[in-house]
Amino acid sequence: MDVIECIYNRRSIRKFKADPVPVEMINKLLETATLAPSSSNSQPWSFVVIQDVNLLKEFSDRSKAIFLEKTKDNASDPYGYRAKLSKPDFNIFYNASTLITIYANSKNKLALGDCCLAAQNLMIAANSLGLGSCWIGFAEPLLDSADLKKELGIPPTYYAVSPMILGYPAIIPTGYSRKAPEILFWK
C-alpha cells in the first residue's frame, strides 16, 4: 500500500483481537517514529512500551479515576464521558495488547510538535503493517503524573505527549467524515 492510500485508510481502532503484537513489529514501529523530522534534528522523543494487559487495565482504572475526580463539579458533559468512564468494565485502552507512549524530553513547544510528528509516523506505519492504533488522550494525565513517572523510572522532566494503543483490529470502521481544508490565505 502506498503512503497516500495508507493515510486515507487509517482509522482509529477501538476493538482489537487478543493477539499480541510481536516485539519485532514494535521495534520497527519505534524505528519509523524516530525517522520523523524534528526541530534542529533534536529528536526529543523517548518511548514507553507496555504489553501487560493487567497493567493496562490498572492504568485504565487509574486514568478514569483522575478524569472523574477532575470533572466531578462540572455539570456539562456534552460527549457523555462521565457516564462511559464511570462503568467499571470500560477500559480506556479498549483491551488492546500494546500501549506505546511517546514522551518529550521537555515541555518546549517544538519538542511537543516533534513528538506528534513521530506519533503520526508510528500510526501510519502501524496501519501499513496491518495493525490498528488509537490515540488515548484520557491516559495523558496519569502517564504524565509524577507518581507514575517515578513508578516507571521516567525522568520527572519528561512530558507524556501521545499514548497510543496498538493491536490487530477486530473491526475496522468504514468511511470517514472530514471537513474540507479551511484556507485562510492563498496568493
Protein backbone atom coordinates (compact mmCIF):
# COMPACT_ATOMS: atom_id res chain seq x y z
CA MET A 1 0.00 0.00 0.00
CA ASP A 2 1.42 3.39 -0.91
CA VAL A 3 1.66 6.16 1.68
CA ILE A 4 -1.32 8.19 0.39
CA GLU A 5 -3.55 5.09 0.44
CA CYS A 6 -2.28 4.25 3.92
CA ILE A 7 -3.18 7.74 5.18
CA TYR A 8 -6.65 7.57 3.61
CA ASN A 9 -7.28 4.09 5.06
CA ARG A 10 -6.02 4.71 8.60
CA ARG A 11 -8.76 4.72 11.23
CA SER A 12 -8.87 4.96 15.00
CA ILE A 13 -9.42 1.38 16.12
CA ARG A 14 -11.34 0.67 19.31
CA LYS A 15 -11.90 -3.09 19.07
CA PHE A 16 -8.95 -5.44 18.97
CA LYS A 17 -8.19 -9.13 18.70
CA ALA A 18 -6.39 -10.62 21.70
CA ASP A 19 -3.26 -11.46 19.66
CA PRO A 20 -0.14 -9.72 21.00
CA VAL A 21 1.93 -7.50 18.72
CA PRO A 22 5.32 -9.16 18.15
CA VAL A 23 8.39 -7.43 19.58
CA GLU A 24 9.92 -7.22 16.09
CA MET A 25 6.94 -5.17 14.88
CA ILE A 26 7.13 -2.87 17.91
CA ASN A 27 10.82 -2.28 17.23
CA LYS A 28 10.07 -1.50 13.58
CA LEU A 29 7.35 0.98 14.61
CA LEU A 30 9.66 2.68 17.10
CA GLU A 31 12.28 3.00 14.38
CA THR A 32 9.75 4.56 11.98
CA ALA A 33 8.73 7.01 14.69
CA THR A 34 12.33 8.16 15.08
CA LEU A 35 12.53 8.93 11.36
CA ALA A 36 10.16 11.88 11.87
CA PRO A 37 11.56 15.34 11.30
CA SER A 38 12.45 17.33 14.39
CA SER A 39 13.46 20.89 15.14
CA SER A 40 17.23 21.27 14.64
CA ASN A 41 17.32 17.45 14.49
CA SER A 42 16.81 17.46 18.27
CA GLN A 43 14.92 14.13 18.29
CA PRO A 44 13.31 14.92 21.66
CA TRP A 45 11.35 11.67 21.93
CA SER A 46 11.55 8.66 24.20
CA PHE A 47 9.18 5.72 24.36
CA VAL A 48 7.41 3.63 26.96
CA VAL A 49 6.01 0.31 25.74
CA ILE A 50 3.54 -1.64 27.84
CA GLN A 51 2.30 -5.05 26.69
CA ASP A 52 0.98 -6.28 30.03
CA VAL A 53 -2.84 -6.36 29.79
CA ASN A 54 -3.24 -6.45 33.58
CA LEU A 55 -1.09 -3.34 33.96
CA LEU A 56 -3.03 -1.65 31.15
CA LYS A 57 -6.30 -2.41 32.94
CA GLU A 58 -4.87 -0.94 36.16
CA PHE A 59 -3.73 2.17 34.29
CA SER A 60 -7.17 2.44 32.69
CA ASP A 61 -8.86 2.37 36.10
CA ARG A 62 -6.44 4.96 37.47
CA SER A 63 -6.93 7.21 34.43
CA LYS A 64 -10.70 7.01 34.75
CA ALA A 65 -10.49 7.94 38.42
CA ILE A 66 -8.38 11.00 37.61
CA PHE A 67 -10.84 12.19 34.96
CA LEU A 68 -13.88 11.60 37.17
CA GLU A 69 -12.27 13.44 40.08
CA LYS A 70 -11.27 16.41 37.92
CA THR A 71 -14.76 16.71 36.41
CA LYS A 72 -16.92 15.90 39.43
CA ASP A 73 -18.11 19.52 39.79
CA ASN A 74 -18.64 20.07 36.08
CA ALA A 75 -22.33 19.71 35.21
CA SER A 76 -21.64 19.88 31.48
CA ASP A 77 -20.67 16.60 29.81
CA PRO A 78 -21.69 17.02 26.16
CA TYR A 79 -19.91 13.85 25.00
CA GLY A 80 -21.10 11.57 27.81
CA TYR A 81 -17.59 10.86 29.04
CA ARG A 82 -18.53 10.70 32.72
CA ALA A 83 -21.16 8.02 32.12
CA LYS A 84 -18.78 5.96 29.98
CA LEU A 85 -15.81 6.30 32.35
CA SER A 86 -17.96 5.50 35.39
CA LYS A 87 -18.51 1.95 34.12
CA PRO A 88 -16.12 -0.44 35.92
CA ASP A 89 -15.78 -2.70 32.87
CA PHE A 90 -14.95 0.11 30.42
CA ASN A 91 -11.26 0.05 29.51
CA ILE A 92 -9.92 3.30 28.04
CA PHE A 93 -7.35 1.19 26.16
CA TYR A 94 -10.13 -0.88 24.56
CA ASN A 95 -8.37 -4.10 25.61
CA ALA A 96 -5.56 -3.50 23.12
CA SER A 97 -2.47 -5.63 23.62
CA THR A 98 0.01 -2.76 23.45
CA LEU A 99 0.35 0.84 24.62
CA ILE A 100 3.18 2.99 23.30
CA THR A 101 3.57 6.42 24.86
CA ILE A 102 5.86 8.98 23.34
CA TYR A 103 7.48 11.26 25.89
CA ALA A 104 9.13 14.60 25.06
CA ASN A 105 12.31 15.44 26.91
CA SER A 106 10.97 18.94 27.61
CA LYS A 107 7.73 20.96 27.53
CA ASN A 108 9.19 23.09 24.77
CA LYS A 109 6.54 23.76 22.08
CA LEU A 110 8.86 22.47 19.38
CA ALA A 111 9.51 19.21 21.26
CA LEU A 112 5.77 18.66 21.59
CA GLY A 113 5.28 19.12 17.85
CA ASP A 114 8.23 16.87 17.05
CA CYS A 115 6.77 14.09 19.20
CA CYS A 116 3.42 14.47 17.44
CA LEU A 117 5.23 14.00 14.11
CA ALA A 118 6.81 10.83 15.49
CA ALA A 119 3.37 9.64 16.61
CA GLN A 120 1.94 10.20 13.13
CA ASN A 121 4.79 8.20 11.59
CA LEU A 122 4.12 5.40 14.05
CA MET A 123 0.37 5.33 13.40
CA ILE A 124 0.76 5.30 9.61
CA ALA A 125 3.45 2.61 9.80
CA ALA A 126 1.21 0.53 12.09
CA ASN A 127 -1.58 0.74 9.52
CA SER A 128 0.81 -0.36 6.76
CA LEU A 129 1.68 -3.44 8.84
CA GLY A 130 -1.97 -4.40 9.37
CA LEU A 131 -2.16 -3.02 12.90
CA GLY A 132 -4.74 -0.66 14.29
CA SER A 133 -3.99 2.28 16.53
CA CYS A 134 -5.77 4.95 18.53
CA TRP A 135 -4.51 7.96 20.46
CA ILE A 136 -5.87 7.77 24.01
CA GLY A 137 -6.00 11.28 25.46
CA PHE A 138 -7.69 10.11 28.67
CA ALA A 139 -4.39 8.42 29.63
CA GLU A 140 -2.25 11.55 29.41
CA PRO A 141 -2.88 12.89 32.96
CA LEU A 142 -1.90 9.58 34.55
CA LEU A 143 1.06 8.97 32.26
CA ASP A 144 2.33 12.47 32.93
CA SER A 145 1.87 12.29 36.70
CA ALA A 146 4.92 12.46 38.95
CA ASP A 147 3.82 9.28 40.75
CA LEU A 148 3.58 7.19 37.59
CA LYS A 149 6.81 8.55 36.15
CA LYS A 150 8.52 7.55 39.40
CA GLU A 151 6.92 4.06 39.24
CA LEU A 152 8.17 3.52 35.69
CA GLY A 153 11.56 5.20 36.09
CA ILE A 154 10.75 8.05 33.69
CA PRO A 155 12.69 11.26 34.36
CA PRO A 156 10.44 13.84 36.03
CA THR A 157 11.31 16.44 33.37
CA TYR A 158 9.83 14.31 30.58
CA TYR A 159 6.32 15.03 29.34
CA ALA A 160 3.78 12.44 28.12
CA VAL A 161 2.70 13.54 24.65
CA SER A 162 0.97 10.68 22.87
CA PRO A 163 -0.38 7.49 24.41
CA MET A 164 -1.28 5.19 21.51
CA ILE A 165 -2.81 1.76 21.69
CA LEU A 166 -1.87 -0.82 19.08
CA GLY A 167 -3.11 -4.21 18.12
CA TYR A 168 -4.73 -6.31 15.45
CA PRO A 169 -8.11 -4.79 14.57
CA ALA A 170 -11.20 -6.88 15.23
CA ILE A 171 -13.30 -4.24 13.47
CA ILE A 172 -12.16 -1.55 11.05
CA PRO A 173 -14.60 1.34 10.78
CA THR A 174 -15.65 2.14 7.24
CA GLY A 175 -15.91 5.59 5.77
CA TYR A 176 -14.88 8.79 7.41
CA SER A 177 -16.00 12.35 7.74
CA ARG A 178 -13.59 15.21 7.37
CA LYS A 179 -14.08 18.90 6.84
CA ALA A 180 -12.64 20.40 3.69
CA PRO A 181 -9.41 22.31 4.28
CA GLU A 182 -10.09 25.80 5.59
CA ILE A 183 -7.76 28.03 3.60
CA LEU A 184 -7.22 31.34 5.36
CA PHE A 185 -4.95 32.86 2.73
CA TRP A 186 -3.60 31.75 -0.64
CA LYS A 187 -1.90 34.09 -3.05
